[in-house]
Amino acid sequence: MQFLEKFFKLKENGTDVRTELLAGLTTFLTMAYIIFVNPSILGDAGMPKDSVFVATCLAAALGTLIMGLYANYPIALAPGMGLNAYFSYAVVKGMGIPWEVALGSVFISGCLFILVSVFKIREMIIGAIPQSLRTAITVGIGLFLAIISLKSSGLVVANPDTLVALGNLHKAPPILAIIGFFLIVALDRLKVRGAILIGIVAVTLLSFVFGGNAFHGIVSAPPSLEPTLFKLDIMGALSAGILNIVLVFFLVELFDATGTLMGVANRAGLLKNGKMDRLNKSLLADSAAIVAGSVLGTSSTTAYIESAAGVQAGGRTGLTAVAVAVLFLACLFIAPLAGTVPAYATAPALFYVACLMLRELTEIDWSDSTESVPAAVTALMMPFTYSIANGVAFGFISYVVLKVATGRVKQVSALAAVISGVFLFKFVYLGAG
């Protein structure tokens, strides 16, 4: 215990071992779905699902472990949703590119990530994000979490006429999710430790009685990783026709992970004067995870917005991340048990965190439309385009355009103008991606 105290600086961060481990379990439960969803999505690209399952667990564990031990932040990493869909449906199925070549593209983008992190170029980019947009990123992530949780709970469903609509409230999932939400909020307000975790476990138990959930056992041997290990085709990815794909991976990874890191750190109160003390270490952690993931056999690994659930549960140091990493490794052997937690059991936790993240709206200067409008655009575009990176992109572009249009060019840093230009180039010549 003394070692953990000194290594992770628990007292300095106002936390303890029990709180950190509880936070780690909370974060893990909210993102455990990725070990089942990722193989399903990449399987559509022709990749062997069993091997992708192992690669997903290992990549998540490795990346999160580096984040915890090296950067000492309570932020978990795993193959990113959206990035895996782009990998499978846009690159492999849409362009007819072999999945091995697509993995090579992910590897190259990860190497570029490491370079821009080592030379602190990525840190400079983050420093160029205006304060209003930094605040908006946190709010946008909250809204993004909200739409993910509402979809997972069945409270919001697709509708061909209105895009989204209210789900069937006569079904068990949305009803149980609503019960879980009120339980979590009430317990947290009453300062019951582990309120979020209690809510998740309670809904999971109720799901066996009312939701038709089934228990599939506890332990199973992990499948073989051989079919995807070292199967990436780097030379194929270096061909001229694939460069656009590498660039899209790089841009989306850059701002998706960056936005998540800033948003979660801000929610945890880990920003000092709007900056992360160990920012470069955290950037190197997720950069290394991308490279490792591509070697193991999965799409881009990135920081997870679900980490905000662990932060709300009290996680403040890398010990939270280490706990998540250990649980991902355990999942190699207890996949049946991890699979018993339904998505609608973790949805209430994510929705509550989303509600709390909206408090950052008060930090925006609403009297200056050249600051407030880009902030609003950033926050709104994240859930409505289902992409953190797109929200950051539209935010930057609108910020620069409005500052220039109102004669406030001097308020736009050179790097912010360049970033805006890169996003414009991406949308005009490479598509939304």
Protein backbone atom coordinates (compact mmCIF):
# COMPACT_ATOMS: atom_id res chain seq x y z
CA MET A 1 0.00 0.00 0.00
CA GLN A 2 2.85 2.37 0.86
CA PHE A 3 4.41 1.73 -2.55
CA LEU A 4 1.12 2.52 -4.31
CA GLU A 5 0.78 5.71 -2.27
CA LYS A 6 4.23 6.93 -3.27
CA PHE A 7 4.17 5.79 -6.88
CA PHE A 8 0.74 7.17 -7.79
CA LYS A 9 0.79 10.10 -5.30
CA LEU A 10 -2.65 9.17 -3.97
CA LYS A 11 -2.88 11.59 -1.02
CA GLU A 12 -1.59 14.44 -3.16
CA ASN A 13 -4.49 13.80 -5.54
CA GLY A 14 -7.04 13.43 -2.74
CA THR A 15 -7.77 9.74 -3.21
CA ASP A 16 -6.94 6.29 -1.81
CA VAL A 17 -6.40 2.72 -3.03
CA ARG A 18 -10.00 1.61 -2.46
CA THR A 19 -11.44 4.58 -4.35
CA GLU A 20 -9.03 4.11 -7.26
CA LEU A 21 -9.78 0.40 -7.61
CA LEU A 22 -13.53 1.05 -7.42
CA ALA A 23 -13.17 3.74 -10.08
CA GLY A 24 -11.21 1.33 -12.25
CA LEU A 25 -13.94 -1.29 -12.00
CA THR A 26 -16.55 1.36 -12.81
CA THR A 27 -14.67 2.53 -15.91
CA PHE A 28 -14.13 -1.04 -17.05
CA LEU A 29 -17.80 -1.96 -16.74
CA THR A 30 -18.84 1.06 -18.83
CA MET A 31 -16.43 0.15 -21.66
CA ALA A 32 -16.34 -3.66 -21.46
CA TYR A 33 -18.74 -3.72 -24.43
CA ILE A 34 -15.77 -3.03 -26.73
CA ILE A 35 -14.41 -6.57 -26.28
CA PHE A 36 -17.57 -7.87 -27.96
CA VAL A 37 -18.44 -5.01 -30.33
CA ASN A 38 -14.95 -4.58 -31.82
CA PRO A 39 -14.62 -8.21 -33.02
CA SER A 40 -18.10 -7.95 -34.52
CA ILE A 41 -17.26 -4.79 -36.51
CA LEU A 42 -13.79 -5.91 -37.62
CA GLY A 43 -15.23 -9.33 -38.38
CA ASP A 44 -17.30 -7.63 -41.09
CA ALA A 45 -13.98 -6.70 -42.70
CA GLY A 46 -13.09 -10.37 -42.93
CA MET A 47 -10.89 -10.49 -39.83
CA PRO A 48 -11.10 -13.60 -37.60
CA LYS A 49 -13.35 -12.57 -34.71
CA ASP A 50 -11.79 -14.79 -32.05
CA SER A 51 -8.33 -13.37 -32.70
CA VAL A 52 -9.68 -9.81 -32.77
CA PHE A 53 -11.26 -10.48 -29.36
CA VAL A 54 -7.84 -11.36 -27.93
CA ALA A 55 -6.17 -8.44 -29.72
CA THR A 56 -8.81 -6.07 -28.34
CA CYS A 57 -8.24 -7.20 -24.75
CA LEU A 58 -4.45 -7.06 -25.08
CA ALA A 59 -4.37 -3.67 -26.85
CA ALA A 60 -6.72 -2.15 -24.28
CA ALA A 61 -4.71 -3.60 -21.39
CA LEU A 62 -1.35 -2.51 -22.80
CA GLY A 63 -2.41 1.02 -23.71
CA THR A 64 -4.22 1.59 -20.42
CA LEU A 65 -1.30 0.17 -18.43
CA ILE A 66 1.11 2.60 -20.13
CA MET A 67 -1.29 5.47 -19.41
CA GLY A 68 -1.49 4.48 -15.75
CA LEU A 69 2.16 3.69 -15.02
CA TYR A 70 3.84 6.23 -17.31
CA ALA A 71 1.43 9.19 -17.36
CA ASN A 72 -0.36 8.53 -14.04
CA TYR A 73 -3.79 9.51 -15.37
CA PRO A 74 -7.11 7.69 -14.69
CA ILE A 75 -7.80 7.36 -18.42
CA ALA A 76 -8.45 4.02 -20.12
CA LEU A 77 -7.66 3.16 -23.73
CA ALA A 78 -9.14 0.63 -26.14
CA PRO A 79 -9.84 0.25 -29.86
CA GLY A 80 -11.99 3.26 -30.74
CA MET A 81 -15.60 3.13 -31.82
CA GLY A 82 -15.98 5.05 -35.07
CA LEU A 83 -12.38 4.34 -35.98
CA ASN A 84 -13.17 0.62 -36.18
CA ALA A 85 -16.26 1.36 -38.28
CA TYR A 86 -14.20 3.55 -40.65
CA PHE A 87 -11.61 0.75 -40.82
CA SER A 88 -14.16 -1.93 -41.75
CA TYR A 89 -16.86 -0.19 -43.74
CA ALA A 90 -15.06 2.72 -45.42
CA VAL A 91 -11.56 1.36 -45.99
CA VAL A 92 -11.87 -2.42 -46.29
CA LYS A 93 -15.40 -2.90 -47.65
CA GLY A 94 -15.86 0.53 -49.26
CA MET A 95 -12.47 0.77 -51.01
CA GLY A 96 -11.79 -2.93 -51.38
CA ILE A 97 -8.49 -2.73 -49.48
CA PRO A 98 -7.32 -5.90 -47.67
CA TRP A 99 -7.58 -5.72 -43.89
CA GLU A 100 -3.86 -6.44 -43.63
CA VAL A 101 -3.12 -3.27 -45.60
CA ALA A 102 -5.61 -1.32 -43.46
CA LEU A 103 -3.75 -2.50 -40.35
CA GLY A 104 -0.54 -1.25 -41.99
CA SER A 105 -2.18 2.17 -42.37
CA VAL A 106 -3.07 2.18 -38.68
CA PHE A 107 0.55 1.27 -37.85
CA ILE A 108 1.92 4.16 -39.95
CA SER A 109 -0.53 6.64 -38.44
CA GLY A 110 0.55 5.43 -34.98
CA CYS A 111 4.22 5.99 -35.88
CA LEU A 112 3.36 9.52 -37.04
CA PHE A 113 1.60 9.98 -33.72
CA ILE A 114 4.72 8.99 -31.81
CA LEU A 115 6.82 11.42 -33.85
CA VAL A 116 4.53 14.41 -33.30
CA SER A 117 4.33 13.48 -29.60
CA VAL A 118 8.09 13.08 -29.11
CA PHE A 119 8.79 16.42 -30.78
CA LYS A 120 5.91 17.96 -28.80
CA ILE A 121 4.15 19.06 -32.00
CA ARG A 122 0.94 17.48 -30.72
CA GLU A 123 1.35 19.37 -27.45
CA MET A 124 1.69 22.60 -29.44
CA ILE A 125 -1.51 21.74 -31.31
CA ILE A 126 -3.36 21.27 -28.03
CA GLY A 127 -1.92 24.56 -26.78
CA ALA A 128 -3.41 26.23 -29.84
CA ILE A 129 -6.95 25.19 -28.87
CA PRO A 130 -8.74 28.35 -27.66
CA GLN A 131 -10.08 28.25 -24.09
CA SER A 132 -13.69 28.41 -25.29
CA LEU A 133 -13.18 25.35 -27.50
CA ARG A 134 -11.45 23.45 -24.66
CA THR A 135 -14.50 24.00 -22.50
CA ALA A 136 -16.78 23.05 -25.40
CA ILE A 137 -14.89 19.79 -25.93
CA THR A 138 -15.82 18.71 -22.39
CA VAL A 139 -19.46 19.67 -22.99
CA GLY A 140 -19.46 17.97 -26.39
CA ILE A 141 -18.08 14.76 -24.91
CA GLY A 142 -20.88 14.93 -22.37
CA LEU A 143 -23.46 15.20 -25.15
CA PHE A 144 -21.70 12.41 -27.04
CA LEU A 145 -21.86 10.21 -23.95
CA ALA A 146 -25.54 11.08 -23.62
CA ILE A 147 -26.49 9.94 -27.10
CA ILE A 148 -24.42 6.75 -26.73
CA SER A 149 -26.10 5.94 -23.42
CA LEU A 150 -29.61 6.74 -24.65
CA LYS A 151 -29.05 4.48 -27.67
CA SER A 152 -27.60 1.68 -25.52
CA SER A 153 -30.57 1.83 -23.14
CA GLY A 154 -33.16 1.73 -25.90
CA LEU A 155 -34.59 5.08 -24.80
CA VAL A 156 -33.64 6.55 -28.17
CA VAL A 157 -34.02 4.57 -31.40
CA ALA A 158 -33.49 5.22 -35.11
CA ASN A 159 -36.39 6.63 -37.12
CA PRO A 160 -36.38 7.02 -40.92
CA ASP A 161 -38.51 10.18 -40.76
CA THR A 162 -36.99 12.04 -37.81
CA LEU A 163 -33.57 10.30 -37.52
CA VAL A 164 -34.23 9.55 -33.84
CA ALA A 165 -37.32 8.85 -31.76
CA LEU A 166 -38.35 7.68 -28.29
CA GLY A 167 -37.94 3.95 -27.79
CA ASN A 168 -40.53 1.49 -26.55
CA LEU A 169 -40.98 2.22 -22.85
CA HIS A 170 -42.89 -1.03 -22.39
CA LYS A 171 -39.69 -3.03 -22.88
CA ALA A 172 -37.39 -4.04 -20.03
CA PRO A 173 -34.10 -2.38 -21.15
CA PRO A 174 -35.27 1.26 -21.12
CA ILE A 175 -37.32 0.73 -17.93
CA LEU A 176 -34.36 -0.85 -16.12
CA ALA A 177 -32.06 1.88 -17.42
CA ILE A 178 -34.36 4.57 -16.02
CA ILE A 179 -34.45 2.81 -12.64
CA GLY A 180 -30.66 2.52 -12.69
CA PHE A 181 -30.26 6.20 -13.53
CA PHE A 182 -32.39 7.41 -10.62
CA LEU A 183 -30.67 4.95 -8.30
CA ILE A 184 -27.21 6.21 -9.27
CA VAL A 185 -28.15 9.89 -8.96
CA ALA A 186 -29.84 9.39 -5.59
CA LEU A 187 -26.97 7.33 -4.15
CA ASP A 188 -24.34 9.75 -5.44
CA ARG A 189 -26.27 12.69 -3.96
CA LEU A 190 -26.39 10.84 -0.63
CA LYS A 191 -22.59 10.41 -0.96
CA VAL A 192 -22.74 6.61 -1.04
CA ARG A 193 -19.35 5.36 -2.19
CA GLY A 194 -19.48 3.31 -5.35
CA ALA A 195 -22.88 4.72 -6.33
CA ILE A 196 -22.24 4.23 -10.06
CA LEU A 197 -20.97 0.68 -9.61
CA ILE A 198 -23.94 -0.18 -7.36
CA GLY A 199 -26.28 1.08 -10.08
CA ILE A 200 -24.60 -1.01 -12.78
CA VAL A 201 -24.63 -4.16 -10.65
CA ALA A 202 -28.26 -3.59 -9.59
CA VAL A 203 -29.49 -3.27 -13.18
CA THR A 204 -27.43 -6.31 -14.21
CA LEU A 205 -29.05 -8.40 -11.48
CA LEU A 206 -32.51 -7.15 -12.44
CA SER A 207 -31.77 -8.02 -16.07
CA PHE A 208 -31.68 -11.72 -15.17
CA VAL A 209 -35.22 -11.48 -13.79
CA PHE A 210 -36.88 -8.99 -16.15
CA GLY A 211 -34.57 -8.56 -19.15
CA GLY A 212 -34.11 -12.15 -20.27
CA ASN A 213 -30.37 -11.98 -19.54
CA ALA A 214 -28.62 -15.35 -19.37
CA PHE A 215 -25.61 -16.49 -17.36
CA HIS A 216 -23.05 -18.20 -19.61
CA GLY A 217 -20.50 -19.23 -17.03
CA ILE A 218 -17.36 -17.58 -15.70
CA VAL A 219 -14.15 -18.99 -17.19
CA SER A 220 -13.09 -19.92 -20.71
CA ALA A 221 -9.68 -20.36 -22.36
CA PRO A 222 -8.62 -17.45 -24.63
CA PRO A 223 -8.64 -18.11 -28.42
CA SER A 224 -5.45 -17.98 -30.50
CA LEU A 225 -4.01 -14.60 -31.50
CA GLU A 226 -1.94 -16.09 -34.35
CA PRO A 227 -4.38 -15.31 -37.23
CA THR A 228 -3.96 -11.52 -36.71
CA LEU A 229 -0.60 -11.18 -34.92
CA PHE A 230 1.98 -9.43 -37.14
CA LYS A 231 -0.33 -9.74 -40.15
CA LEU A 232 -0.21 -6.02 -40.99
CA ASP A 233 1.01 -5.08 -44.49
CA ILE A 234 3.11 -1.93 -44.08
CA MET A 235 4.52 -1.90 -47.63
CA GLY A 236 1.01 -2.11 -49.06
CA ALA A 237 -0.03 0.81 -46.85
CA LEU A 238 2.89 2.91 -48.12
CA SER A 239 1.62 2.80 -51.68
CA ALA A 240 0.50 6.12 -53.13
CA GLY A 241 -3.16 5.17 -53.24
CA ILE A 242 -3.32 4.55 -49.51
CA LEU A 243 -1.82 7.84 -48.28
CA ASN A 244 -5.22 9.49 -48.00
CA ILE A 245 -6.39 6.72 -45.70
CA VAL A 246 -3.31 7.11 -43.48
CA LEU A 247 -3.96 10.86 -43.27
CA VAL A 248 -7.61 10.36 -42.32
CA PHE A 249 -6.66 7.82 -39.61
CA PHE A 250 -4.05 10.25 -38.33
CA LEU A 251 -6.35 13.30 -38.19
CA VAL A 252 -9.25 11.46 -36.58
CA GLU A 253 -6.98 9.77 -34.02
CA LEU A 254 -5.23 13.05 -33.25
CA PHE A 255 -8.30 15.05 -32.36
CA ASP A 256 -10.44 12.19 -31.06
CA ALA A 257 -7.86 11.19 -28.47
CA THR A 258 -6.80 14.76 -27.75
CA GLY A 259 -10.37 15.87 -27.19
CA THR A 260 -11.03 12.93 -24.89
CA LEU A 261 -7.84 13.46 -22.88
CA MET A 262 -8.61 17.14 -22.33
CA GLY A 263 -12.28 16.57 -21.59
CA VAL A 264 -11.78 13.78 -19.05
CA ALA A 265 -8.82 15.54 -17.39
CA ASN A 266 -10.89 18.70 -17.07
CA ARG A 267 -13.78 16.74 -15.54
CA ALA A 268 -11.35 15.19 -13.03
CA GLY A 269 -9.96 18.59 -12.06
CA LEU A 270 -6.53 17.58 -13.34
CA LEU A 271 -5.98 20.65 -15.50
CA LYS A 272 -3.77 23.42 -14.14
CA ASN A 273 -4.25 26.76 -15.87
CA GLY A 274 -6.08 24.89 -18.62
CA LYS A 275 -3.19 22.45 -19.20
CA MET A 276 -2.30 18.86 -18.33
CA ASP A 277 0.98 18.59 -16.42
CA ARG A 278 1.93 15.25 -17.96
CA LEU A 279 0.28 15.84 -21.30
CA ASN A 280 3.18 14.61 -23.43
CA LYS A 281 3.39 11.37 -21.44
CA SER A 282 -0.32 10.72 -21.97
CA LEU A 283 0.05 11.47 -25.68
CA LEU A 284 2.94 9.02 -25.97
CA ALA A 285 0.88 6.41 -24.14
CA ASP A 286 -1.98 6.47 -26.63
CA SER A 287 0.45 6.76 -29.57
CA ALA A 288 2.28 3.60 -28.49
CA ALA A 289 -1.06 1.85 -27.99
CA ILE A 290 -2.05 2.50 -31.63
CA VAL A 291 1.17 0.90 -32.90
CA ALA A 292 0.85 -2.06 -30.53
CA GLY A 293 -2.81 -2.58 -31.46
CA SER A 294 -2.05 -2.69 -35.19
CA VAL A 295 0.65 -5.33 -34.56
CA LEU A 296 -1.72 -7.41 -32.43
CA GLY A 297 -4.50 -7.15 -34.98
CA THR A 298 -7.00 -4.41 -34.20
CA SER A 299 -7.93 -0.96 -35.45
CA SER A 300 -6.76 2.28 -33.82
CA THR A 301 -6.61 2.37 -30.02
CA THR A 302 -7.63 5.63 -28.38
CA ALA A 303 -8.52 7.24 -25.05
CA TYR A 304 -12.07 6.38 -23.98
CA ILE A 305 -14.69 8.92 -22.97
CA GLU A 306 -16.15 6.26 -20.65
CA SER A 307 -13.17 7.05 -18.39
CA ALA A 308 -15.33 9.93 -17.19
CA ALA A 309 -17.48 7.37 -15.32
CA GLY A 310 -14.47 6.27 -13.29
CA VAL A 311 -13.51 9.87 -12.67
CA GLN A 312 -16.98 10.54 -11.32
CA ALA A 313 -16.51 7.51 -9.06
CA GLY A 314 -13.41 9.18 -7.59
CA GLY A 315 -10.56 8.04 -9.87
CA ARG A 316 -7.75 10.60 -9.94
CA THR A 317 -4.51 8.71 -10.64
CA GLY A 318 -2.99 6.04 -12.83
CA LEU A 319 -3.97 3.35 -10.32
CA THR A 320 -7.49 3.58 -11.77
CA ALA A 321 -6.06 2.88 -15.22
CA VAL A 322 -3.94 -0.01 -13.93
CA ALA A 323 -7.07 -1.59 -12.43
CA VAL A 324 -8.83 -1.28 -15.81
CA ALA A 325 -5.83 -2.86 -17.56
CA VAL A 326 -5.81 -5.84 -15.18
CA LEU A 327 -9.53 -6.37 -15.76
CA PHE A 328 -9.05 -6.34 -19.55
CA LEU A 329 -6.37 -9.02 -19.15
CA ALA A 330 -8.71 -11.01 -16.92
CA CYS A 331 -11.32 -10.79 -19.67
CA LEU A 332 -9.16 -13.12 -21.76
CA PHE A 333 -10.27 -15.83 -19.33
CA ILE A 334 -13.61 -14.55 -18.02
CA ALA A 335 -15.24 -13.42 -21.24
CA PRO A 336 -18.55 -15.18 -20.38
CA LEU A 337 -18.82 -13.27 -17.08
CA ALA A 338 -17.92 -9.90 -18.63
CA GLY A 339 -20.55 -10.51 -21.26
CA THR A 340 -23.34 -10.75 -18.70
CA VAL A 341 -23.35 -6.97 -18.10
CA PRO A 342 -25.83 -5.64 -20.68
CA ALA A 343 -25.35 -2.29 -22.40
CA TYR A 344 -28.47 -0.89 -20.74
CA ALA A 345 -26.89 -1.55 -17.32
CA THR A 346 -23.95 0.78 -18.00
CA ALA A 347 -26.03 3.31 -19.94
CA PRO A 348 -27.45 5.00 -16.78
CA ALA A 349 -23.91 5.59 -15.48
CA LEU A 350 -22.81 7.19 -18.74
CA PHE A 351 -25.95 9.34 -18.90
CA TYR A 352 -25.41 10.62 -15.36
CA VAL A 353 -21.80 11.50 -16.17
CA ALA A 354 -23.05 13.25 -19.32
CA CYS A 355 -25.43 15.37 -17.25
CA LEU A 356 -22.61 16.40 -14.92
CA MET A 357 -20.30 17.35 -17.78
CA LEU A 358 -22.80 19.91 -19.07
CA ARG A 359 -22.01 22.13 -16.07
CA GLU A 360 -18.97 23.35 -18.03
CA LEU A 361 -21.36 25.44 -20.14
CA THR A 362 -21.17 28.11 -17.45
CA GLU A 363 -17.47 28.64 -18.24
CA ILE A 364 -18.18 29.89 -21.77
CA ASP A 365 -18.31 33.63 -22.43
CA TRP A 366 -21.80 33.89 -23.92
CA SER A 367 -21.51 37.65 -24.40
CA ASP A 368 -18.97 37.18 -27.22
CA SER A 369 -20.51 35.32 -30.16
CA THR A 370 -17.10 34.75 -31.77
CA GLU A 371 -16.28 32.61 -28.72
CA SER A 372 -19.68 31.16 -27.78
CA VAL A 373 -20.87 30.17 -31.27
CA PRO A 374 -17.75 28.11 -32.15
CA ALA A 375 -18.02 26.54 -28.69
CA ALA A 376 -21.66 25.62 -29.34
CA VAL A 377 -20.79 24.28 -32.80
CA THR A 378 -18.03 22.12 -31.28
CA ALA A 379 -20.31 20.67 -28.63
CA LEU A 380 -23.31 20.06 -30.90
CA MET A 381 -21.42 18.52 -33.81
CA MET A 382 -19.91 15.78 -31.65
CA PRO A 383 -23.15 13.89 -30.94
CA PHE A 384 -24.84 14.81 -34.22
CA THR A 385 -21.95 13.55 -36.38
CA TYR A 386 -21.11 10.80 -33.87
CA SER A 387 -17.49 11.94 -33.81
CA ILE A 388 -15.39 13.91 -31.32
CA ALA A 389 -12.93 14.72 -34.10
CA ASN A 390 -15.65 16.23 -36.32
CA GLY A 391 -16.81 18.42 -33.45
CA VAL A 392 -13.29 19.74 -32.91
CA ALA A 393 -12.90 20.29 -36.68
CA PHE A 394 -16.08 22.33 -37.12
CA GLY A 395 -15.27 24.23 -33.94
CA PHE A 396 -11.84 25.27 -35.21
CA ILE A 397 -13.14 26.25 -38.64
CA SER A 398 -16.02 28.34 -37.26
CA TYR A 399 -13.70 29.98 -34.70
CA VAL A 400 -11.23 31.14 -37.35
CA VAL A 401 -13.91 32.20 -39.83
CA LEU A 402 -15.82 34.27 -37.26
CA LYS A 403 -12.69 35.93 -35.87
CA VAL A 404 -11.55 36.90 -39.37
CA ALA A 405 -15.04 38.02 -40.45
CA THR A 406 -15.33 40.34 -37.43
CA GLY A 407 -11.88 41.87 -37.79
CA ARG A 408 -10.28 39.99 -34.90
CA VAL A 409 -7.56 38.26 -36.85
CA LYS A 410 -4.99 38.99 -34.14
CA GLN A 411 -6.90 36.73 -31.74
CA VAL A 412 -6.26 33.74 -34.02
CA SER A 413 -2.90 32.04 -33.46
CA ALA A 414 -0.96 30.93 -36.52
CA LEU A 415 -1.24 27.30 -35.47
CA ALA A 416 -5.01 27.55 -34.99
CA ALA A 417 -5.28 28.93 -38.54
CA VAL A 418 -3.15 26.06 -39.87
CA ILE A 419 -5.24 23.46 -38.01
CA SER A 420 -8.41 25.00 -39.43
CA GLY A 421 -6.90 24.86 -42.91
CA VAL A 422 -5.96 21.20 -42.49
CA PHE A 423 -9.53 20.36 -41.49
CA LEU A 424 -10.89 22.24 -44.50
CA PHE A 425 -8.53 20.30 -46.74
CA LYS A 426 -9.67 17.05 -45.15
CA PHE A 427 -13.36 17.79 -45.68
CA VAL A 428 -12.96 19.16 -49.22
CA TYR A 429 -10.48 16.65 -50.63
CA LEU A 430 -10.70 13.59 -48.40
CA GLY A 431 -14.36 13.67 -47.39
CA ALA A 432 -15.83 13.51 -43.90
CA GLY A 433 -14.08 10.25 -43.03
